Amino acid sequence: MNRLVEIRSQESLCRERAAFDSERRGFWLAQAEEWKQRGLDEIAYHFRECNHAHTELARG
């Protein structure tokens, strides 16, 4: 889950930049949304892996 922390940090950084860079606000917000989606993808991957491992143990 360290990767998720890094992803969320990047999203936050992009949102901060959007707040201070009015000329490129749209760009930074779009970047933040991309990082947000990466975070959601990372969470989904983690749960798929956990569910797979749980299924394997149940079959045991």
PDB file of N, CA and C in Angstrom:
ATOM      1  N   MET A   1       0.807  -1.194   0.000  1.00  0.00           N
ATOM      2  CA  MET A   1       0.000   0.000   0.000  1.00  0.00           C
ATOM      3  C   MET A   1       0.859   1.272   0.000  1.00  0.00           C
ATOM      4  N   ASN A   2       2.157   1.118   0.097  1.00  0.00           N
ATOM      5  CA  ASN A   2       3.026   2.287  -0.005  1.00  0.00           C
ATOM      6  C   ASN A   2       2.848   2.980  -1.343  1.00  0.00           C
ATOM      7  N   ARG A   3       2.586   2.177  -2.370  1.00  0.00           N
ATOM      8  CA  ARG A   3       2.376   2.750  -3.695  1.00  0.00           C
ATOM      9  C   ARG A   3       1.151   3.665  -3.689  1.00  0.00           C
ATOM     10  N   LEU A   4       0.115   3.278  -2.986  1.00  0.00           N
ATOM     11  CA  LEU A   4      -1.089   4.110  -2.912  1.00  0.00           C
ATOM     12  C   LEU A   4      -0.778   5.442  -2.233  1.00  0.00           C
ATOM     13  N   VAL A   5       0.044   5.419  -1.217  1.00  0.00           N
ATOM     14  CA  VAL A   5       0.439   6.657  -0.541  1.00  0.00           C
ATOM     15  C   VAL A   5       1.177   7.574  -1.518  1.00  0.00           C
ATOM     16  N   GLU A   6       2.069   7.011  -2.304  1.00  0.00           N
ATOM     17  CA  GLU A   6       2.805   7.798  -3.291  1.00  0.00           C
ATOM     18  C   GLU A   6       1.863   8.384  -4.347  1.00  0.00           C
ATOM     19  N   ILE A   7       0.910   7.575  -4.790  1.00  0.00           N
ATOM     20  CA  ILE A   7      -0.045   8.027  -5.808  1.00  0.00           C
ATOM     21  C   ILE A   7      -0.889   9.176  -5.258  1.00  0.00           C
ATOM     22  N   ARG A   8      -1.399   9.003  -4.050  1.00  0.00           N
ATOM     23  CA  ARG A   8      -2.219  10.056  -3.443  1.00  0.00           C
ATOM     24  C   ARG A   8      -1.400  11.332  -3.216  1.00  0.00           C
ATOM     25  N   SER A   9      -0.137  11.178  -2.913  1.00  0.00           N
ATOM     26  CA  SER A   9       0.738  12.328  -2.737  1.00  0.00           C
ATOM     27  C   SER A   9       0.882  13.100  -4.045  1.00  0.00           C
ATOM     28  N   GLN A  10       1.049  12.375  -5.144  1.00  0.00           N
ATOM     29  CA  GLN A  10       1.155  13.022  -6.448  1.00  0.00           C
ATOM     30  C   GLN A  10      -0.143  13.744  -6.809  1.00  0.00           C
ATOM     31  N   GLU A  11      -1.263  13.111  -6.514  1.00  0.00           N
ATOM     32  CA  GLU A  11      -2.559  13.749  -6.777  1.00  0.00           C
ATOM     33  C   GLU A  11      -2.661  15.061  -6.003  1.00  0.00           C
ATOM     34  N   SER A  12      -2.297  15.011  -4.734  1.00  0.00           N
ATOM     35  CA  SER A  12      -2.354  16.200  -3.884  1.00  0.00           C
ATOM     36  C   SER A  12      -1.440  17.305  -4.405  1.00  0.00           C
ATOM     37  N   LEU A  13      -0.246  16.928  -4.817  1.00  0.00           N
ATOM     38  CA  LEU A  13       0.707  17.896  -5.349  1.00  0.00           C
ATOM     39  C   LEU A  13       0.140  18.593  -6.587  1.00  0.00           C
ATOM     40  N   CYS A  14      -0.484  17.820  -7.458  1.00  0.00           N
ATOM     41  CA  CYS A  14      -1.083  18.405  -8.669  1.00  0.00           C
ATOM     42  C   CYS A  14      -2.204  19.381  -8.306  1.00  0.00           C
ATOM     43  N   ARG A  15      -2.997  19.034  -7.315  1.00  0.00           N
ATOM     44  CA  ARG A  15      -4.080  19.930  -6.886  1.00  0.00           C
ATOM     45  C   ARG A  15      -3.518  21.212  -6.266  1.00  0.00           C
ATOM     46  N   GLU A  16      -2.421  21.099  -5.532  1.00  0.00           N
ATOM     47  CA  GLU A  16      -1.766  22.290  -4.984  1.00  0.00           C
ATOM     48  C   GLU A  16      -1.258  23.183  -6.103  1.00  0.00           C
ATOM     49  N   ARG A  17      -0.625  22.576  -7.088  1.00  0.00           N
ATOM     50  CA  ARG A  17      -0.117  23.351  -8.218  1.00  0.00           C
ATOM     51  C   ARG A  17      -1.256  24.050  -8.951  1.00  0.00           C
ATOM     52  N   ALA A  18      -2.385  23.371  -9.086  1.00  0.00           N
ATOM     53  CA  ALA A  18      -3.554  23.977  -9.741  1.00  0.00           C
ATOM     54  C   ALA A  18      -4.010  25.225  -8.990  1.00  0.00           C
ATOM     55  N   ALA A  19      -3.915  25.172  -7.674  1.00  0.00           N
ATOM     56  CA  ALA A  19      -4.346  26.306  -6.856  1.00  0.00           C
ATOM     57  C   ALA A  19      -3.438  27.520  -7.035  1.00  0.00           C
ATOM     58  N   PHE A  20      -2.170  27.280  -7.322  1.00  0.00           N
ATOM     59  CA  PHE A  20      -1.208  28.373  -7.413  1.00  0.00           C
ATOM     60  C   PHE A  20      -0.815  28.754  -8.840  1.00  0.00           C
ATOM     61  N   ASP A  21      -1.188  27.959  -9.807  1.00  0.00           N
ATOM     62  CA  ASP A  21      -0.819  28.223 -11.206  1.00  0.00           C
ATOM     63  C   ASP A  21      -2.105  28.398 -12.018  1.00  0.00           C
ATOM     64  N   SER A  22      -2.660  29.595 -11.944  1.00  0.00           N
ATOM     65  CA  SER A  22      -3.949  29.838 -12.590  1.00  0.00           C
ATOM     66  C   SER A  22      -3.886  29.673 -14.107  1.00  0.00           C
ATOM     67  N   GLU A  23      -2.736  29.941 -14.704  1.00  0.00           N
ATOM     68  CA  GLU A  23      -2.602  29.808 -16.160  1.00  0.00           C
ATOM     69  C   GLU A  23      -2.697  28.354 -16.615  1.00  0.00           C
ATOM     70  N   ARG A  24      -2.223  27.438 -15.790  1.00  0.00           N
ATOM     71  CA  ARG A  24      -2.218  26.016 -16.164  1.00  0.00           C
ATOM     72  C   ARG A  24      -3.112  25.190 -15.241  1.00  0.00           C
ATOM     73  N   ARG A  25      -4.082  25.839 -14.627  1.00  0.00           N
ATOM     74  CA  ARG A  25      -4.972  25.186 -13.663  1.00  0.00           C
ATOM     75  C   ARG A  25      -5.626  23.944 -14.268  1.00  0.00           C
ATOM     76  N   GLY A  26      -6.151  24.062 -15.470  1.00  0.00           N
ATOM     77  CA  GLY A  26      -6.814  22.934 -16.123  1.00  0.00           C
ATOM     78  C   GLY A  26      -5.889  21.747 -16.305  1.00  0.00           C
ATOM     79  N   PHE A  27      -4.652  22.041 -16.694  1.00  0.00           N
ATOM     80  CA  PHE A  27      -3.667  20.974 -16.876  1.00  0.00           C
ATOM     81  C   PHE A  27      -3.429  20.236 -15.561  1.00  0.00           C
ATOM     82  N   TRP A  28      -3.198  20.996 -14.481  1.00  0.00           N
ATOM     83  CA  TRP A  28      -2.883  20.375 -13.200  1.00  0.00           C
ATOM     84  C   TRP A  28      -4.070  19.601 -12.640  1.00  0.00           C
ATOM     85  N   LEU A  29      -5.278  20.106 -12.856  1.00  0.00           N
ATOM     86  CA  LEU A  29      -6.455  19.368 -12.394  1.00  0.00           C
ATOM     87  C   LEU A  29      -6.634  18.073 -13.184  1.00  0.00           C
ATOM     88  N   ALA A  30      -6.329  18.112 -14.474  1.00  0.00           N
ATOM     89  CA  ALA A  30      -6.401  16.892 -15.287  1.00  0.00           C
ATOM     90  C   ALA A  30      -5.362  15.881 -14.810  1.00  0.00           C
ATOM     91  N   GLN A  31      -4.179  16.362 -14.483  1.00  0.00           N
ATOM     92  CA  GLN A  31      -3.145  15.472 -13.955  1.00  0.00           C
ATOM     93  C   GLN A  31      -3.589  14.865 -12.627  1.00  0.00           C
ATOM     94  N   ALA A  32      -4.204  15.674 -11.782  1.00  0.00           N
ATOM     95  CA  ALA A  32      -4.690  15.181 -10.489  1.00  0.00           C
ATOM     96  C   ALA A  32      -5.732  14.081 -10.698  1.00  0.00           C
ATOM     97  N   GLU A  33      -6.601  14.261 -11.670  1.00  0.00           N
ATOM     98  CA  GLU A  33      -7.613  13.244 -11.944  1.00  0.00           C
ATOM     99  C   GLU A  33      -6.975  11.944 -12.435  1.00  0.00           C
ATOM    100  N   GLU A  34      -5.921  12.065 -13.234  1.00  0.00           N
ATOM    101  CA  GLU A  34      -5.211  10.859 -13.681  1.00  0.00           C
ATOM    102  C   GLU A  34      -4.612  10.119 -12.486  1.00  0.00           C
ATOM    103  N   TRP A  35      -4.011  10.858 -11.567  1.00  0.00           N
ATOM    104  CA  TRP A  35      -3.434  10.229 -10.368  1.00  0.00           C
ATOM    105  C   TRP A  35      -4.528   9.624  -9.500  1.00  0.00           C
ATOM    106  N   LYS A  36      -5.676  10.295  -9.416  1.00  0.00           N
ATOM    107  CA  LYS A  36      -6.793   9.755  -8.653  1.00  0.00           C
ATOM    108  C   LYS A  36      -7.233   8.412  -9.224  1.00  0.00           C
ATOM    109  N   GLN A  37      -7.325   8.343 -10.561  1.00  0.00           N
ATOM    110  CA  GLN A  37      -7.725   7.092 -11.201  1.00  0.00           C
ATOM    111  C   GLN A  37      -6.688   5.996 -10.960  1.00  0.00           C
ATOM    112  N   ARG A  38      -5.415   6.362 -10.991  1.00  0.00           N
ATOM    113  CA  ARG A  38      -4.363   5.383 -10.688  1.00  0.00           C
ATOM    114  C   ARG A  38      -4.522   4.836  -9.275  1.00  0.00           C
ATOM    115  N   GLY A  39      -4.892   5.715  -8.353  1.00  0.00           N
ATOM    116  CA  GLY A  39      -5.115   5.280  -6.980  1.00  0.00           C
ATOM    117  C   GLY A  39      -6.275   4.302  -6.887  1.00  0.00           C
ATOM    118  N   LEU A  40      -7.352   4.590  -7.590  1.00  0.00           N
ATOM    119  CA  LEU A  40      -8.497   3.679  -7.598  1.00  0.00           C
ATOM    120  C   LEU A  40      -8.118   2.349  -8.225  1.00  0.00           C
ATOM    121  N   ASP A  41      -7.317   2.397  -9.290  1.00  0.00           N
ATOM    122  CA  ASP A  41      -6.851   1.166  -9.924  1.00  0.00           C
ATOM    123  C   ASP A  41      -5.979   0.350  -8.974  1.00  0.00           C
ATOM    124  N   GLU A  42      -5.147   1.031  -8.220  1.00  0.00           N
ATOM    125  CA  GLU A  42      -4.266   0.359  -7.257  1.00  0.00           C
ATOM    126  C   GLU A  42      -5.086  -0.328  -6.166  1.00  0.00           C
ATOM    127  N   ILE A  43      -6.115   0.343  -5.683  1.00  0.00           N
ATOM    128  CA  ILE A  43      -6.989  -0.248  -4.663  1.00  0.00           C
ATOM    129  C   ILE A  43      -7.678  -1.482  -5.225  1.00  0.00           C
ATOM    130  N   ALA A  44      -8.202  -1.368  -6.441  1.00  0.00           N
ATOM    131  CA  ALA A  44      -8.884  -2.507  -7.067  1.00  0.00           C
ATOM    132  C   ALA A  44      -7.925  -3.681  -7.236  1.00  0.00           C
ATOM    133  N   TYR A  45      -6.708  -3.408  -7.664  1.00  0.00           N
ATOM    134  CA  TYR A  45      -5.700  -4.460  -7.833  1.00  0.00           C
ATOM    135  C   TYR A  45      -5.425  -5.148  -6.497  1.00  0.00           C
ATOM    136  N   HIS A  46      -5.270  -4.344  -5.455  1.00  0.00           N
ATOM    137  CA  HIS A  46      -4.983  -4.892  -4.130  1.00  0.00           C
ATOM    138  C   HIS A  46      -6.095  -5.842  -3.685  1.00  0.00           C
ATOM    139  N   PHE A  47      -7.353  -5.426  -3.864  1.00  0.00           N
ATOM    140  CA  PHE A  47      -8.465  -6.271  -3.437  1.00  0.00           C
ATOM    141  C   PHE A  47      -8.590  -7.524  -4.293  1.00  0.00           C
ATOM    142  N   ARG A  48      -8.298  -7.412  -5.586  1.00  0.00           N
ATOM    143  CA  ARG A  48      -8.315  -8.615  -6.430  1.00  0.00           C
ATOM    144  C   ARG A  48      -7.271  -9.606  -5.946  1.00  0.00           C
ATOM    145  N   GLU A  49      -6.076  -9.111  -5.622  1.00  0.00           N
ATOM    146  CA  GLU A  49      -5.011  -9.986  -5.136  1.00  0.00           C
ATOM    147  C   GLU A  49      -5.392 -10.626  -3.804  1.00  0.00           C
ATOM    148  N   CYS A  50      -5.976  -9.845  -2.910  1.00  0.00           N
ATOM    149  CA  CYS A  50      -6.382 -10.387  -1.609  1.00  0.00           C
ATOM    150  C   CYS A  50      -7.475 -11.432  -1.782  1.00  0.00           C
ATOM    151  N   ASN A  51      -8.438 -11.157  -2.646  1.00  0.00           N
ATOM    152  CA  ASN A  51      -9.516 -12.115  -2.874  1.00  0.00           C
ATOM    153  C   ASN A  51      -8.991 -13.392  -3.513  1.00  0.00           C
ATOM    154  N   HIS A  52      -8.038 -13.266  -4.413  1.00  0.00           N
ATOM    155  CA  HIS A  52      -7.439 -14.424  -5.058  1.00  0.00           C
ATOM    156  C   HIS A  52      -6.707 -15.286  -4.021  1.00  0.00           C
ATOM    157  N   ALA A  53      -5.940 -14.641  -3.168  1.00  0.00           N
ATOM    158  CA  ALA A  53      -5.197 -15.367  -2.132  1.00  0.00           C
ATOM    159  C   ALA A  53      -6.171 -16.045  -1.165  1.00  0.00           C
ATOM    160  N   HIS A  54      -7.237 -15.353  -0.823  1.00  0.00           N
ATOM    161  CA  HIS A  54      -8.232 -15.929   0.092  1.00  0.00           C
ATOM    162  C   HIS A  54      -8.893 -17.148  -0.549  1.00  0.00           C
ATOM    163  N   THR A  55      -9.214 -17.066  -1.840  1.00  0.00           N
ATOM    164  CA  THR A  55      -9.828 -18.179  -2.546  1.00  0.00           C
ATOM    165  C   THR A  55      -8.892 -19.372  -2.588  1.00  0.00           C
ATOM    166  N   GLU A  56      -7.614 -19.110  -2.840  1.00  0.00           N
ATOM    167  CA  GLU A  56      -6.629 -20.196  -2.876  1.00  0.00           C
ATOM    168  C   GLU A  56      -6.522 -20.884  -1.518  1.00  0.00           C
ATOM    169  N   LEU A  57      -6.549 -20.107  -0.440  1.00  0.00           N
ATOM    170  CA  LEU A  57      -6.474 -20.687   0.899  1.00  0.00           C
ATOM    171  C   LEU A  57      -7.724 -21.510   1.213  1.00  0.00           C
ATOM    172  N   ALA A  58      -8.877 -21.036   0.770  1.00  0.00           N
ATOM    173  CA  ALA A  58     -10.119 -21.751   1.030  1.00  0.00           C
ATOM    174  C   ALA A  58     -10.160 -23.086   0.293  1.00  0.00           C
ATOM    175  N   ARG A  59      -9.545 -23.139  -0.869  1.00  0.00           N
ATOM    176  CA  ARG A  59      -9.515 -24.379  -1.640  1.00  0.00           C
ATOM    177  C   ARG A  59      -8.573 -25.404  -1.006  1.00  0.00           C
ATOM    178  N   GLY A  60      -7.529 -24.845  -0.362  1.00  0.00           N
ATOM    179  CA  GLY A  60      -6.464 -25.525   0.265  1.00  0.00           C
ATOM    180  C   GLY A  60      -6.384 -26.937   0.313  1.00  0.00           C
TER     181      GLY A  60
END
